[in-house]
Amino acid sequence: MLKNIPEVISPELMKVLMEMGHGDEIVLADGNFPAASVAMRLIRCDGHGIPKILEAVLKFLPLDQYVEHAVALMAVSPGDKTKPTIWEKYRRIIRTSGEKFPDFEFVERFAFYERAKNAYAVVASSEKALYANIILKKGVL
């Protein structure tokens, strides 16, 4: 065991965070996301919600400051009346982390799936909130 590692960060997730390089992306996927079918590297984080995972990951992962948007969300599909309240939680968590964060990029659902196929890893969570999927682009120290 190590000290000060959040319980939600498994050895596999820590390994992936350390392997990632500048510009690599990681997807934190909700329970509805087709994680297993799109992931190059799938990390299971069952029983945990994305806000807890996001807060833990940002203790270790710097966000890319050389791009307009280092954080992307899946946009609400046209005609869907869902108003994702989890996005405000994400905004607070990211701002509290100390990372420079202008705002989110919103990516159309099918474009998000395609982008996830190229992500370094996908973390499958048990998050129940709709439109809770988030992509983080790794920066440098």
Protein backbone atom coordinates (compact mmCIF):
# COMPACT_ATOMS: atom_id res chain seq x y z
CA MET A 1 0.00 0.00 0.00
CA LEU A 2 1.01 3.59 -0.55
CA LYS A 3 0.01 6.69 1.33
CA ASN A 4 -2.28 9.43 0.01
CA ILE A 5 -3.50 7.56 -3.08
CA PRO A 6 -7.30 7.97 -3.35
CA GLU A 7 -9.07 4.61 -3.07
CA VAL A 8 -10.75 5.12 -6.44
CA ILE A 9 -7.32 5.10 -8.17
CA SER A 10 -6.53 1.44 -8.84
CA PRO A 11 -2.98 0.31 -9.61
CA GLU A 12 -4.05 -0.10 -13.25
CA LEU A 13 -5.42 3.44 -13.44
CA MET A 14 -2.28 4.88 -11.81
CA LYS A 15 -0.12 2.97 -14.31
CA VAL A 16 -2.12 4.37 -17.23
CA LEU A 17 -1.93 7.94 -15.88
CA MET A 18 1.85 7.56 -15.61
CA GLU A 19 2.18 6.07 -19.11
CA MET A 20 0.20 8.81 -20.81
CA GLY A 21 2.15 11.54 -22.55
CA HIS A 22 1.45 15.15 -23.47
CA GLY A 23 -1.67 15.33 -25.61
CA ASP A 24 -2.93 11.84 -24.78
CA GLU A 25 -6.57 11.68 -23.77
CA ILE A 26 -8.43 9.64 -21.18
CA VAL A 27 -12.20 9.14 -21.14
CA LEU A 28 -14.12 8.91 -17.88
CA ALA A 29 -17.24 7.08 -19.06
CA ASP A 30 -20.65 6.81 -17.46
CA GLY A 31 -22.48 3.52 -16.99
CA ASN A 32 -24.31 3.81 -20.33
CA PHE A 33 -21.18 4.44 -22.43
CA PRO A 34 -20.05 1.59 -24.75
CA ALA A 35 -16.66 1.53 -23.02
CA ALA A 36 -15.66 -2.06 -23.82
CA SER A 37 -16.43 -1.71 -27.53
CA VAL A 38 -14.48 1.53 -28.06
CA ALA A 39 -11.54 1.31 -25.65
CA MET A 40 -7.97 0.57 -26.69
CA ARG A 41 -7.29 0.18 -22.95
CA LEU A 42 -10.28 -0.40 -20.68
CA ILE A 43 -10.05 0.30 -16.96
CA ARG A 44 -12.95 -0.84 -14.80
CA CYS A 45 -13.94 1.48 -11.98
CA ASP A 46 -17.21 -0.18 -11.02
CA GLY A 47 -19.08 1.14 -8.02
CA HIS A 48 -17.72 4.67 -8.39
CA GLY A 49 -19.20 7.82 -9.90
CA ILE A 50 -17.29 10.12 -12.22
CA PRO A 51 -17.07 13.14 -9.87
CA LYS A 52 -15.08 11.07 -7.37
CA ILE A 53 -12.87 9.64 -10.13
CA LEU A 54 -12.36 13.08 -11.72
CA GLU A 55 -11.32 14.63 -8.42
CA ALA A 56 -8.83 11.81 -7.78
CA VAL A 57 -7.39 11.81 -11.32
CA LEU A 58 -6.79 15.58 -11.25
CA LYS A 59 -4.50 15.14 -8.22
CA PHE A 60 -2.05 13.50 -10.64
CA LEU A 61 -2.95 14.47 -14.22
CA PRO A 62 -2.05 17.96 -15.46
CA LEU A 63 -4.42 19.35 -18.09
CA ASP A 64 -3.01 20.48 -21.43
CA GLN A 65 -2.57 24.26 -21.40
CA TYR A 66 -1.55 24.43 -25.08
CA VAL A 67 -5.01 23.71 -26.47
CA GLU A 68 -8.20 25.76 -26.40
CA HIS A 69 -10.11 23.03 -24.53
CA ALA A 70 -8.37 20.33 -22.46
CA VAL A 71 -11.71 19.00 -21.24
CA ALA A 72 -14.51 17.76 -23.49
CA LEU A 73 -18.06 16.66 -22.74
CA MET A 74 -20.58 14.73 -24.80
CA ALA A 75 -23.10 17.29 -26.05
CA VAL A 76 -26.80 16.72 -25.48
CA SER A 77 -28.35 15.19 -28.59
CA PRO A 78 -30.65 17.48 -30.59
CA GLY A 79 -34.23 17.11 -29.38
CA ASP A 80 -33.21 15.60 -26.02
CA LYS A 81 -34.56 17.76 -23.20
CA THR A 82 -31.99 16.50 -20.65
CA LYS A 83 -30.20 19.28 -18.75
CA PRO A 84 -27.04 17.65 -17.33
CA THR A 85 -26.57 18.99 -13.80
CA ILE A 86 -23.38 16.95 -13.36
CA TRP A 87 -21.52 19.40 -15.62
CA GLU A 88 -21.56 22.04 -12.88
CA LYS A 89 -20.03 19.50 -10.47
CA TYR A 90 -17.28 18.88 -13.03
CA ARG A 91 -16.69 22.62 -13.42
CA ARG A 92 -16.29 23.04 -9.63
CA ILE A 93 -13.99 20.02 -9.32
CA ILE A 94 -11.72 21.20 -12.16
CA ARG A 95 -11.55 24.78 -10.92
CA THR A 96 -10.84 23.58 -7.35
CA SER A 97 -8.01 21.39 -8.67
CA GLY A 98 -5.97 24.48 -9.54
CA GLU A 99 -5.80 23.65 -13.24
CA LYS A 100 -6.26 26.47 -15.75
CA PHE A 101 -9.70 25.85 -17.17
CA PRO A 102 -11.51 28.28 -19.48
CA ASP A 103 -14.50 25.99 -20.20
CA PHE A 104 -15.62 22.74 -21.77
CA GLU A 105 -15.59 21.68 -25.39
CA PHE A 106 -18.89 20.06 -26.38
CA VAL A 107 -18.63 17.13 -28.79
CA GLU A 108 -21.55 15.62 -30.70
CA ARG A 109 -22.40 12.09 -29.46
CA PHE A 110 -21.11 10.03 -32.39
CA ALA A 111 -18.02 12.23 -32.78
CA PHE A 112 -17.40 11.68 -29.05
CA TYR A 113 -17.51 7.90 -29.61
CA GLU A 114 -15.00 8.21 -32.46
CA ARG A 115 -12.70 10.39 -30.35
CA ALA A 116 -12.95 7.87 -27.51
CA LYS A 117 -11.70 5.14 -29.87
CA ASN A 118 -8.44 7.10 -30.18
CA ALA A 119 -8.12 7.88 -26.46
CA TYR A 120 -5.23 6.35 -24.57
CA ALA A 121 -7.70 4.72 -22.18
CA VAL A 122 -11.36 4.59 -21.20
CA VAL A 123 -12.34 4.36 -17.54
CA ALA A 124 -15.71 2.60 -17.18
CA SER A 125 -17.59 3.86 -14.13
CA SER A 126 -20.98 3.21 -12.55
CA GLU A 127 -22.05 6.83 -13.04
CA LYS A 128 -25.82 7.04 -13.54
CA ALA A 129 -26.11 10.68 -14.62
CA LEU A 130 -26.92 11.16 -18.30
CA TYR A 131 -24.32 12.91 -20.49
CA ALA A 132 -21.69 12.41 -17.78
CA ASN A 133 -18.92 11.29 -20.17
CA ILE A 134 -15.80 13.46 -20.05
CA ILE A 135 -12.48 13.51 -21.90
CA LEU A 136 -9.30 14.90 -20.32
CA LYS A 137 -6.24 15.85 -22.40
CA LYS A 138 -2.96 15.41 -20.53
CA GLY A 139 -0.57 18.33 -20.30
CA VAL A 140 2.98 18.79 -19.05
CA LEU A 141 4.48 19.69 -15.70
